[in-house]
Amino acid sequence: MTWIQYNSKTWNRPYWFNSKTGKSVWVLPEEEKKKMEDAKKTKEQSKTPDPLHREDARRHIQERDNKYQEYEVTNGFISTKIRARDKYEAMEEMRAIAQSLNPYD
C-alpha cells in the first residue's frame, strides 16, 4: 500500500502520504479510495466461510466425536462419566481429577 493515513498535529486533521512519491494530500485521490474499498470488500468476503466449508467442519467434528465413548469411572469416593477414546484415557483423566481434588498433594 503506497498511501498511508496520518494525523496532522498542527491542523488536527487526517492527511494522506504516498510513500513512493513522497507526496502528501488532505483528500485521498478517488482511484485510491476505490482500490482501498475493493481491497476491504475482498478481505471481508474471504473471512466469511461458505456453506460447504461449514458443512465440512461439521462433518469433521462429528467424525472426531464418534471416536469418543462415554465411560463411567469410579475412583474411591469419586464417580463420574468421562468422554474418552478408550478406557485407559478415561482412567488417566479420572486420575487427574482425583489429584486436583486432593488438598494434601
N, C-alpha and C. Protein backbone atom coordinates (compact mmCIF):
# COMPACT_ATOMS: atom_id res chain seq x y z
N MET A 1 0.85 -1.16 0.00
CA MET A 1 0.00 0.00 0.00
C MET A 1 0.90 1.23 0.00
N THR A 2 0.66 2.12 -0.96
CA THR A 2 1.52 3.29 -1.05
C THR A 2 0.99 4.48 -0.27
N TRP A 3 -0.33 4.59 -0.10
CA TRP A 3 -0.92 5.70 0.65
C TRP A 3 -1.13 5.31 2.10
N ILE A 4 -0.62 6.14 3.02
CA ILE A 4 -0.75 5.88 4.45
C ILE A 4 -1.41 7.10 5.09
N GLN A 5 -2.38 6.85 5.96
CA GLN A 5 -3.07 7.95 6.63
C GLN A 5 -2.34 8.32 7.92
N TYR A 6 -2.13 9.63 8.10
CA TYR A 6 -1.52 10.17 9.32
C TYR A 6 -2.44 11.27 9.85
N ASN A 7 -2.20 11.70 11.06
CA ASN A 7 -2.93 12.83 11.63
C ASN A 7 -1.99 14.01 11.79
N SER A 8 -2.43 15.16 11.29
CA SER A 8 -1.64 16.39 11.42
C SER A 8 -1.83 16.96 12.82
N LYS A 9 -0.75 17.11 13.54
CA LYS A 9 -0.84 17.70 14.88
C LYS A 9 -1.09 19.21 14.79
N THR A 10 -0.55 19.83 13.76
CA THR A 10 -0.73 21.26 13.58
C THR A 10 -2.17 21.62 13.25
N TRP A 11 -2.75 20.88 12.29
CA TRP A 11 -4.11 21.19 11.82
C TRP A 11 -5.17 20.31 12.46
N ASN A 12 -4.75 19.33 13.23
CA ASN A 12 -5.67 18.43 13.94
C ASN A 12 -6.68 17.77 12.99
N ARG A 13 -6.15 17.23 11.90
CA ARG A 13 -6.99 16.51 10.94
C ARG A 13 -6.15 15.48 10.19
N PRO A 14 -6.78 14.47 9.61
CA PRO A 14 -6.01 13.44 8.90
C PRO A 14 -5.53 13.92 7.53
N TYR A 15 -4.38 13.37 7.12
CA TYR A 15 -3.88 13.61 5.76
C TYR A 15 -3.28 12.30 5.25
N TRP A 16 -3.05 12.24 3.95
CA TRP A 16 -2.53 11.03 3.31
C TRP A 16 -1.13 11.30 2.78
N PHE A 17 -0.26 10.31 2.92
CA PHE A 17 1.12 10.41 2.46
C PHE A 17 1.41 9.23 1.53
N ASN A 18 1.95 9.52 0.36
CA ASN A 18 2.32 8.48 -0.59
C ASN A 18 3.79 8.15 -0.37
N SER A 19 4.06 6.93 0.08
CA SER A 19 5.44 6.55 0.43
C SER A 19 6.33 6.40 -0.80
N LYS A 20 5.74 6.18 -1.99
CA LYS A 20 6.56 6.04 -3.21
C LYS A 20 6.98 7.41 -3.76
N THR A 21 6.03 8.33 -3.80
CA THR A 21 6.31 9.64 -4.41
C THR A 21 6.71 10.70 -3.40
N GLY A 22 6.39 10.49 -2.12
CA GLY A 22 6.68 11.49 -1.10
C GLY A 22 5.65 12.61 -1.07
N LYS A 23 4.56 12.45 -1.80
CA LYS A 23 3.52 13.47 -1.89
C LYS A 23 2.54 13.33 -0.72
N SER A 24 2.11 14.48 -0.13
CA SER A 24 1.10 14.50 0.92
C SER A 24 -0.13 15.23 0.42
N VAL A 25 -1.32 14.72 0.74
CA VAL A 25 -2.58 15.36 0.34
C VAL A 25 -3.56 15.28 1.50
N TRP A 26 -4.50 16.25 1.53
CA TRP A 26 -5.53 16.23 2.57
C TRP A 26 -6.62 15.22 2.22
N VAL A 27 -6.93 15.07 0.92
CA VAL A 27 -8.01 14.18 0.48
C VAL A 27 -7.40 13.08 -0.39
N LEU A 28 -7.72 11.86 -0.07
CA LEU A 28 -7.22 10.71 -0.82
C LEU A 28 -7.80 10.73 -2.24
N PRO A 29 -6.97 10.56 -3.29
CA PRO A 29 -7.47 10.53 -4.66
C PRO A 29 -8.55 9.45 -4.84
N GLU A 30 -9.55 9.76 -5.68
CA GLU A 30 -10.69 8.86 -5.87
C GLU A 30 -10.28 7.45 -6.30
N GLU A 31 -9.32 7.34 -7.23
CA GLU A 31 -8.92 6.00 -7.69
C GLU A 31 -8.31 5.18 -6.55
N GLU A 32 -7.60 5.86 -5.64
CA GLU A 32 -7.04 5.17 -4.49
C GLU A 32 -8.13 4.76 -3.50
N LYS A 33 -9.13 5.63 -3.32
CA LYS A 33 -10.26 5.28 -2.46
C LYS A 33 -10.93 4.01 -2.97
N LYS A 34 -11.14 3.96 -4.29
CA LYS A 34 -11.80 2.81 -4.91
C LYS A 34 -10.97 1.54 -4.69
N LYS A 35 -9.65 1.65 -4.89
CA LYS A 35 -8.77 0.48 -4.68
C LYS A 35 -8.86 -0.01 -3.24
N MET A 36 -8.84 0.93 -2.27
CA MET A 36 -8.89 0.55 -0.86
C MET A 36 -10.23 -0.08 -0.51
N GLU A 37 -11.33 0.46 -1.05
CA GLU A 37 -12.65 -0.12 -0.79
C GLU A 37 -12.75 -1.52 -1.37
N ASP A 38 -12.23 -1.71 -2.59
CA ASP A 38 -12.25 -3.04 -3.21
C ASP A 38 -11.43 -4.04 -2.40
N ALA A 39 -10.28 -3.60 -1.92
CA ALA A 39 -9.43 -4.48 -1.10
C ALA A 39 -10.13 -4.85 0.20
N LYS A 40 -10.82 -3.87 0.80
CA LYS A 40 -11.54 -4.13 2.04
C LYS A 40 -12.68 -5.12 1.81
N LYS A 41 -13.42 -4.97 0.69
CA LYS A 41 -14.51 -5.90 0.37
C LYS A 41 -13.98 -7.31 0.16
N THR A 42 -12.87 -7.41 -0.56
CA THR A 42 -12.26 -8.72 -0.82
C THR A 42 -11.84 -9.37 0.49
N LYS A 43 -11.27 -8.59 1.38
CA LYS A 43 -10.84 -9.12 2.68
C LYS A 43 -12.03 -9.60 3.49
N GLU A 44 -13.11 -8.81 3.50
CA GLU A 44 -14.31 -9.20 4.25
C GLU A 44 -14.94 -10.46 3.67
N GLN A 45 -14.96 -10.56 2.34
CA GLN A 45 -15.54 -11.74 1.70
C GLN A 45 -14.73 -12.99 2.01
N SER A 46 -13.41 -12.85 2.10
CA SER A 46 -12.58 -14.02 2.39
C SER A 46 -12.77 -14.50 3.82
N LYS A 47 -13.23 -13.62 4.73
CA LYS A 47 -13.47 -14.02 6.11
C LYS A 47 -14.73 -14.85 6.26
N THR A 48 -15.71 -14.64 5.38
CA THR A 48 -16.99 -15.32 5.50
C THR A 48 -16.86 -16.72 4.90
N PRO A 49 -16.96 -17.77 5.73
CA PRO A 49 -16.86 -19.12 5.19
C PRO A 49 -18.11 -19.47 4.39
N ASP A 50 -17.90 -20.15 3.27
CA ASP A 50 -19.07 -20.55 2.50
C ASP A 50 -19.70 -21.79 3.14
N PRO A 51 -20.95 -22.09 2.79
CA PRO A 51 -21.66 -23.21 3.43
C PRO A 51 -20.95 -24.54 3.30
N LEU A 52 -20.23 -24.77 2.19
CA LEU A 52 -19.53 -26.05 2.02
C LEU A 52 -18.44 -26.22 3.07
N HIS A 53 -17.70 -25.14 3.37
CA HIS A 53 -16.67 -25.23 4.40
C HIS A 53 -17.29 -25.51 5.76
N ARG A 54 -18.43 -24.87 6.03
CA ARG A 54 -19.11 -25.11 7.31
C ARG A 54 -19.56 -26.57 7.41
N GLU A 55 -20.07 -27.10 6.32
CA GLU A 55 -20.54 -28.50 6.32
C GLU A 55 -19.36 -29.44 6.53
N ASP A 56 -18.22 -29.16 5.89
CA ASP A 56 -17.03 -29.98 6.08
C ASP A 56 -16.58 -29.93 7.53
N ALA A 57 -16.62 -28.75 8.13
CA ALA A 57 -16.21 -28.61 9.53
C ALA A 57 -17.16 -29.38 10.43
N ARG A 58 -18.46 -29.30 10.16
CA ARG A 58 -19.45 -30.02 10.96
C ARG A 58 -19.21 -31.54 10.86
N ARG A 59 -18.94 -32.01 9.64
CA ARG A 59 -18.69 -33.44 9.44
C ARG A 59 -17.42 -33.86 10.17
N HIS A 60 -16.39 -33.03 10.12
CA HIS A 60 -15.13 -33.34 10.81
C HIS A 60 -15.36 -33.46 12.32
N ILE A 61 -16.14 -32.55 12.88
CA ILE A 61 -16.43 -32.59 14.32
C ILE A 61 -17.20 -33.84 14.68
N GLN A 62 -18.17 -34.21 13.85
CA GLN A 62 -18.94 -35.43 14.12
C GLN A 62 -18.05 -36.67 14.07
N GLU A 63 -17.16 -36.72 13.07
CA GLU A 63 -16.26 -37.87 12.97
C GLU A 63 -15.33 -37.93 14.17
N ARG A 64 -14.85 -36.78 14.60
CA ARG A 64 -13.98 -36.73 15.78
C ARG A 64 -14.73 -37.18 17.03
N ASP A 65 -15.96 -36.70 17.19
CA ASP A 65 -16.75 -37.05 18.36
C ASP A 65 -17.15 -38.52 18.36
N ASN A 66 -17.30 -39.11 17.18
CA ASN A 66 -17.67 -40.53 17.11
C ASN A 66 -16.55 -41.42 17.63
N LYS A 67 -15.32 -40.93 17.65
CA LYS A 67 -14.20 -41.72 18.16
C LYS A 67 -14.22 -41.80 19.69
N TYR A 68 -14.99 -40.90 20.32
CA TYR A 68 -15.06 -40.86 21.78
C TYR A 68 -16.23 -41.68 22.29
N GLN A 69 -16.03 -42.28 23.45
CA GLN A 69 -17.10 -43.02 24.13
C GLN A 69 -17.25 -42.46 25.54
N GLU A 70 -18.38 -42.74 26.14
CA GLU A 70 -18.60 -42.29 27.50
C GLU A 70 -18.31 -43.45 28.45
N TYR A 71 -17.47 -43.20 29.44
CA TYR A 71 -17.08 -44.22 30.42
C TYR A 71 -17.54 -43.78 31.80
N GLU A 72 -18.08 -44.72 32.56
CA GLU A 72 -18.42 -44.49 33.97
C GLU A 72 -17.21 -44.92 34.76
N VAL A 73 -16.57 -43.97 35.44
CA VAL A 73 -15.32 -44.26 36.14
C VAL A 73 -15.50 -43.95 37.62
N THR A 74 -15.03 -44.87 38.47
CA THR A 74 -15.09 -44.67 39.91
C THR A 74 -13.69 -44.80 40.48
N ASN A 75 -13.34 -43.85 41.33
CA ASN A 75 -12.02 -43.85 41.96
C ASN A 75 -12.23 -43.50 43.42
N GLY A 76 -12.29 -44.52 44.28
CA GLY A 76 -12.54 -44.28 45.70
C GLY A 76 -13.95 -43.73 45.90
N PHE A 77 -14.05 -42.49 46.36
CA PHE A 77 -15.36 -41.90 46.61
C PHE A 77 -15.87 -41.06 45.44
N ILE A 78 -15.06 -40.94 44.36
CA ILE A 78 -15.45 -40.13 43.20
C ILE A 78 -15.97 -41.04 42.09
N SER A 79 -17.14 -40.71 41.57
CA SER A 79 -17.71 -41.45 40.46
C SER A 79 -18.21 -40.43 39.44
N THR A 80 -17.81 -40.61 38.19
CA THR A 80 -18.22 -39.65 37.15
C THR A 80 -18.21 -40.31 35.78
N LYS A 81 -18.82 -39.63 34.81
CA LYS A 81 -18.78 -40.07 33.42
C LYS A 81 -17.75 -39.22 32.69
N ILE A 82 -16.91 -39.88 31.90
CA ILE A 82 -15.86 -39.20 31.18
C ILE A 82 -15.91 -39.62 29.72
N ARG A 83 -15.80 -38.66 28.82
CA ARG A 83 -15.73 -38.97 27.39
C ARG A 83 -14.26 -39.11 27.02
N ALA A 84 -13.92 -40.27 26.46
CA ALA A 84 -12.53 -40.52 26.10
C ALA A 84 -12.49 -41.48 24.92
N ARG A 85 -11.32 -41.60 24.30
CA ARG A 85 -11.18 -42.50 23.15
C ARG A 85 -11.12 -43.97 23.57
N ASP A 86 -10.56 -44.23 24.75
CA ASP A 86 -10.51 -45.61 25.25
C ASP A 86 -10.51 -45.59 26.78
N LYS A 87 -10.60 -46.77 27.38
CA LYS A 87 -10.72 -46.83 28.84
C LYS A 87 -9.46 -46.34 29.54
N TYR A 88 -8.30 -46.49 28.90
CA TYR A 88 -7.05 -46.05 29.52
C TYR A 88 -7.00 -44.52 29.59
N GLU A 89 -7.47 -43.87 28.53
CA GLU A 89 -7.52 -42.42 28.54
C GLU A 89 -8.53 -41.93 29.59
N ALA A 90 -9.63 -42.66 29.74
CA ALA A 90 -10.63 -42.31 30.75
C ALA A 90 -10.05 -42.44 32.15
N MET A 91 -9.27 -43.50 32.39
CA MET A 91 -8.65 -43.68 33.71
C MET A 91 -7.63 -42.58 34.00
N GLU A 92 -6.86 -42.18 32.99
CA GLU A 92 -5.89 -41.09 33.17
C GLU A 92 -6.60 -39.78 33.50
N GLU A 93 -7.71 -39.54 32.84
CA GLU A 93 -8.49 -38.33 33.11
C GLU A 93 -9.03 -38.36 34.54
N MET A 94 -9.49 -39.52 34.98
CA MET A 94 -10.02 -39.66 36.34
C MET A 94 -8.91 -39.47 37.36
N ARG A 95 -7.73 -39.98 37.07
CA ARG A 95 -6.59 -39.80 37.97
C ARG A 95 -6.25 -38.32 38.11
N ALA A 96 -6.30 -37.59 37.00
CA ALA A 96 -6.02 -36.16 37.02
C ALA A 96 -7.07 -35.42 37.86
N ILE A 97 -8.32 -35.83 37.72
CA ILE A 97 -9.39 -35.20 38.52
C ILE A 97 -9.16 -35.47 40.00
N ALA A 98 -8.86 -36.72 40.34
CA ALA A 98 -8.64 -37.08 41.75
C ALA A 98 -7.46 -36.31 42.33
N GLN A 99 -6.39 -36.16 41.57
CA GLN A 99 -5.23 -35.43 42.05
C GLN A 99 -5.55 -33.95 42.26
N SER A 100 -6.39 -33.40 41.40
CA SER A 100 -6.71 -31.98 41.53
C SER A 100 -7.58 -31.74 42.78
N LEU A 101 -8.28 -32.77 43.23
CA LEU A 101 -9.16 -32.63 44.40
C LEU A 101 -8.44 -32.95 45.71
N ASN A 102 -7.24 -33.49 45.63
CA ASN A 102 -6.50 -33.88 46.84
C ASN A 102 -5.81 -32.65 47.43
N PRO A 103 -6.24 -32.19 48.59
CA PRO A 103 -5.65 -30.98 49.18
C PRO A 103 -4.26 -31.21 49.75
N TYR A 104 -3.84 -32.46 49.90
CA TYR A 104 -2.55 -32.77 50.52
C TYR A 104 -1.46 -33.00 49.49
N ASP A 105 -1.75 -32.88 48.23
CA ASP A 105 -0.74 -33.10 47.19
C ASP A 105 0.02 -31.85 46.87
